[in-house]
Amino acid sequence: MGYVFYSAKTKVMAVLLIINGKTDIKVHTAIADNPCNKTINHWVALYERTR
């Protein structure tokens, strides 16, 4: 079973969706199941800290 690697553009869109509270279920679950989602959570945390 291979991993799906999302492009930077997709990751940024996901971060923006999560920050704005418009969590698209499809995007959110796809990214939550992805092993590189820790970078997305890290970006969201950074944004929350600097806001």
N, C-alpha and C. Protein backbone atom coordinates (compact mmCIF):
# COMPACT_ATOMS: atom_id res chain seq x y z
N MET A 1 0.85 -1.19 0.00
CA MET A 1 0.00 0.00 0.00
C MET A 1 0.89 1.25 0.00
N GLY A 2 0.76 2.05 -1.02
CA GLY A 2 1.60 3.23 -1.12
C GLY A 2 0.98 4.45 -0.47
N TYR A 3 1.82 5.38 -0.16
CA TYR A 3 1.35 6.63 0.44
C TYR A 3 1.00 7.62 -0.66
N VAL A 4 0.05 8.47 -0.38
CA VAL A 4 -0.29 9.54 -1.31
C VAL A 4 0.41 10.80 -0.83
N PHE A 5 1.21 11.39 -1.69
CA PHE A 5 1.88 12.62 -1.33
C PHE A 5 1.17 13.79 -2.00
N TYR A 6 0.71 14.72 -1.18
CA TYR A 6 -0.01 15.87 -1.71
C TYR A 6 0.98 16.96 -2.09
N SER A 7 0.61 17.73 -3.10
CA SER A 7 1.45 18.83 -3.51
C SER A 7 1.37 19.94 -2.46
N ALA A 8 2.32 20.85 -2.50
CA ALA A 8 2.34 21.97 -1.56
C ALA A 8 1.07 22.80 -1.68
N LYS A 9 0.57 22.95 -2.91
CA LYS A 9 -0.64 23.73 -3.14
C LYS A 9 -1.83 23.11 -2.41
N THR A 10 -1.95 21.79 -2.48
CA THR A 10 -3.04 21.09 -1.80
C THR A 10 -2.91 21.24 -0.30
N LYS A 11 -1.68 21.14 0.22
CA LYS A 11 -1.45 21.28 1.65
C LYS A 11 -1.84 22.67 2.13
N VAL A 12 -1.44 23.69 1.38
CA VAL A 12 -1.77 25.06 1.75
C VAL A 12 -3.27 25.26 1.74
N MET A 13 -3.95 24.74 0.73
CA MET A 13 -5.41 24.84 0.67
C MET A 13 -6.03 24.16 1.89
N ALA A 14 -5.50 23.00 2.27
CA ALA A 14 -6.02 22.28 3.43
C ALA A 14 -5.83 23.10 4.70
N VAL A 15 -4.66 23.70 4.85
CA VAL A 15 -4.39 24.53 6.03
C VAL A 15 -5.37 25.69 6.08
N LEU A 16 -5.59 26.34 4.94
CA LEU A 16 -6.51 27.47 4.91
C LEU A 16 -7.93 27.03 5.23
N LEU A 17 -8.34 25.88 4.71
CA LEU A 17 -9.68 25.37 5.00
C LEU A 17 -9.84 25.09 6.49
N ILE A 18 -8.83 24.46 7.09
CA ILE A 18 -8.90 24.12 8.51
C ILE A 18 -8.93 25.39 9.34
N ILE A 19 -8.10 26.38 9.00
CA ILE A 19 -8.04 27.63 9.75
C ILE A 19 -9.37 28.36 9.68
N ASN A 20 -9.97 28.38 8.49
CA ASN A 20 -11.22 29.11 8.32
C ASN A 20 -12.43 28.35 8.83
N GLY A 21 -12.20 27.14 9.34
CA GLY A 21 -13.29 26.35 9.89
C GLY A 21 -14.18 25.73 8.83
N LYS A 22 -13.78 25.86 7.57
CA LYS A 22 -14.56 25.27 6.49
C LYS A 22 -13.95 23.93 6.14
N THR A 23 -13.94 23.04 7.11
CA THR A 23 -13.26 21.76 6.90
C THR A 23 -14.08 20.91 5.97
N ASP A 24 -13.62 20.82 4.76
CA ASP A 24 -14.25 19.92 3.79
C ASP A 24 -13.97 18.50 4.26
N ILE A 25 -15.03 17.73 4.48
CA ILE A 25 -14.88 16.39 5.05
C ILE A 25 -13.96 15.53 4.20
N LYS A 26 -14.12 15.62 2.88
CA LYS A 26 -13.31 14.80 1.97
C LYS A 26 -11.82 15.16 2.12
N VAL A 27 -11.55 16.47 2.08
CA VAL A 27 -10.16 16.93 2.18
C VAL A 27 -9.60 16.55 3.54
N HIS A 28 -10.41 16.79 4.59
CA HIS A 28 -9.93 16.59 5.95
C HIS A 28 -9.60 15.13 6.22
N THR A 29 -10.49 14.22 5.83
CA THR A 29 -10.24 12.80 6.09
C THR A 29 -9.09 12.29 5.24
N ALA A 30 -9.00 12.75 4.01
CA ALA A 30 -7.90 12.32 3.14
C ALA A 30 -6.57 12.73 3.74
N ILE A 31 -6.53 13.95 4.29
CA ILE A 31 -5.28 14.44 4.84
C ILE A 31 -5.02 13.85 6.22
N ALA A 32 -6.08 13.63 6.99
CA ALA A 32 -5.91 13.03 8.32
C ALA A 32 -5.36 11.62 8.22
N ASP A 33 -5.73 10.91 7.16
CA ASP A 33 -5.24 9.54 6.95
C ASP A 33 -3.83 9.51 6.36
N ASN A 34 -3.34 10.66 5.97
CA ASN A 34 -2.05 10.73 5.30
C ASN A 34 -0.92 10.88 6.31
N PRO A 35 0.17 10.14 6.14
CA PRO A 35 1.26 10.21 7.11
C PRO A 35 1.95 11.57 7.16
N CYS A 36 1.87 12.36 6.09
CA CYS A 36 2.54 13.66 6.14
C CYS A 36 1.59 14.75 6.64
N ASN A 37 0.52 14.36 7.35
CA ASN A 37 -0.41 15.36 7.86
C ASN A 37 0.17 16.10 9.05
N LYS A 38 1.25 15.58 9.65
CA LYS A 38 1.83 16.28 10.80
C LYS A 38 2.39 17.63 10.36
N THR A 39 2.84 17.75 9.11
CA THR A 39 3.32 19.04 8.63
C THR A 39 2.16 20.01 8.53
N ILE A 40 1.00 19.51 8.13
CA ILE A 40 -0.18 20.37 8.02
C ILE A 40 -0.60 20.85 9.40
N ASN A 41 -0.64 19.92 10.36
CA ASN A 41 -0.98 20.30 11.73
C ASN A 41 0.04 21.28 12.29
N HIS A 42 1.30 21.10 11.91
CA HIS A 42 2.37 22.00 12.35
C HIS A 42 2.14 23.40 11.78
N TRP A 43 1.79 23.49 10.50
CA TRP A 43 1.51 24.78 9.88
C TRP A 43 0.33 25.46 10.53
N VAL A 44 -0.73 24.69 10.82
CA VAL A 44 -1.91 25.25 11.47
C VAL A 44 -1.53 25.79 12.85
N ALA A 45 -0.74 25.02 13.59
CA ALA A 45 -0.31 25.45 14.92
C ALA A 45 0.53 26.73 14.84
N LEU A 46 1.42 26.78 13.86
CA LEU A 46 2.24 27.98 13.67
C LEU A 46 1.36 29.19 13.37
N TYR A 47 0.37 29.00 12.51
CA TYR A 47 -0.53 30.09 12.16
C TYR A 47 -1.30 30.57 13.39
N GLU A 48 -1.81 29.61 14.18
CA GLU A 48 -2.57 29.96 15.38
C GLU A 48 -1.70 30.74 16.36
N ARG A 49 -0.43 30.36 16.46
CA ARG A 49 0.48 31.05 17.39
C ARG A 49 0.76 32.47 16.94
N THR A 50 0.91 32.67 15.64
CA THR A 50 1.32 33.98 15.13
C THR A 50 0.14 34.89 14.84
N ARG A 51 -1.08 34.39 14.99
CA ARG A 51 -2.25 35.19 14.63
C ARG A 51 -2.47 36.30 15.62
